[in-house]
Amino acid sequence: MSQPIALQAPVALETLKTLAAGQEVALFGQVYAARDMAHRFLADLIKSGQELPFELEGQIIYYTGPSPAPPGLVIGAAGPTTSGRMDLFTPTLLSKGVRVLVGKGRRSPEVKEALLKHGAVYLAAVGGAGAFYGQKITAAQTLAWPELGPEALLRLTVEAMPAVVINDLAGQDLYESGPAAWRL
């Protein structure tokens, strides 16, 4: 088994060109946690030309809504959310330079087209492994919309958070062309 490729934001387009569907990666450093409502709010800010809570260029967005932190921990369980729920807003965020998306499940044809158009990749994290992913987070800070609870926009610091490339810059989709287990 090969060593995972390390990714740290801001991620350069040249780095993403080296990735292929099915390849393992490990995320380090800053990752932004955003789910449905945070995506809606970010897209609305972009469309209205307002200032964003963070610079999108080169960033990694992880679709998660973590549970509260137990005593002595930075965060609770932080497993991936179904990515299709963000598909309506994803092309808008990609147009502003987001480079890496992390979640679970298939993406719409529109998102796959936007990934290629804007030079971004989609990674899968393992569903049902929220406690494991929570242990990969070493810091968490609410950036915007705390009233949304688990849907608030968070800045996470991650250490060796594993994921698999699903959609690469060559247009490959592991869910369509990978081993049978990935095509379920």
Foldseek 3Di string as FASTA:
>chain_A
DDDAAEDEPLGDLVVQQPDDFFGKHFYFFKEKEAEQVNLVVQLVCLVVVHDDLDQQASHEYFHWQWDADDPPAQTAFTAFDEPQSNQVRQLSSLVRHHAEYEHDDDHDPVNLVSCLVSRHFYWYDDPPRRRVQSVQWRHKDFRDDCVVRSRTMIITGGDGRMIGTQAGNVGHGCLVPNPPVSVD
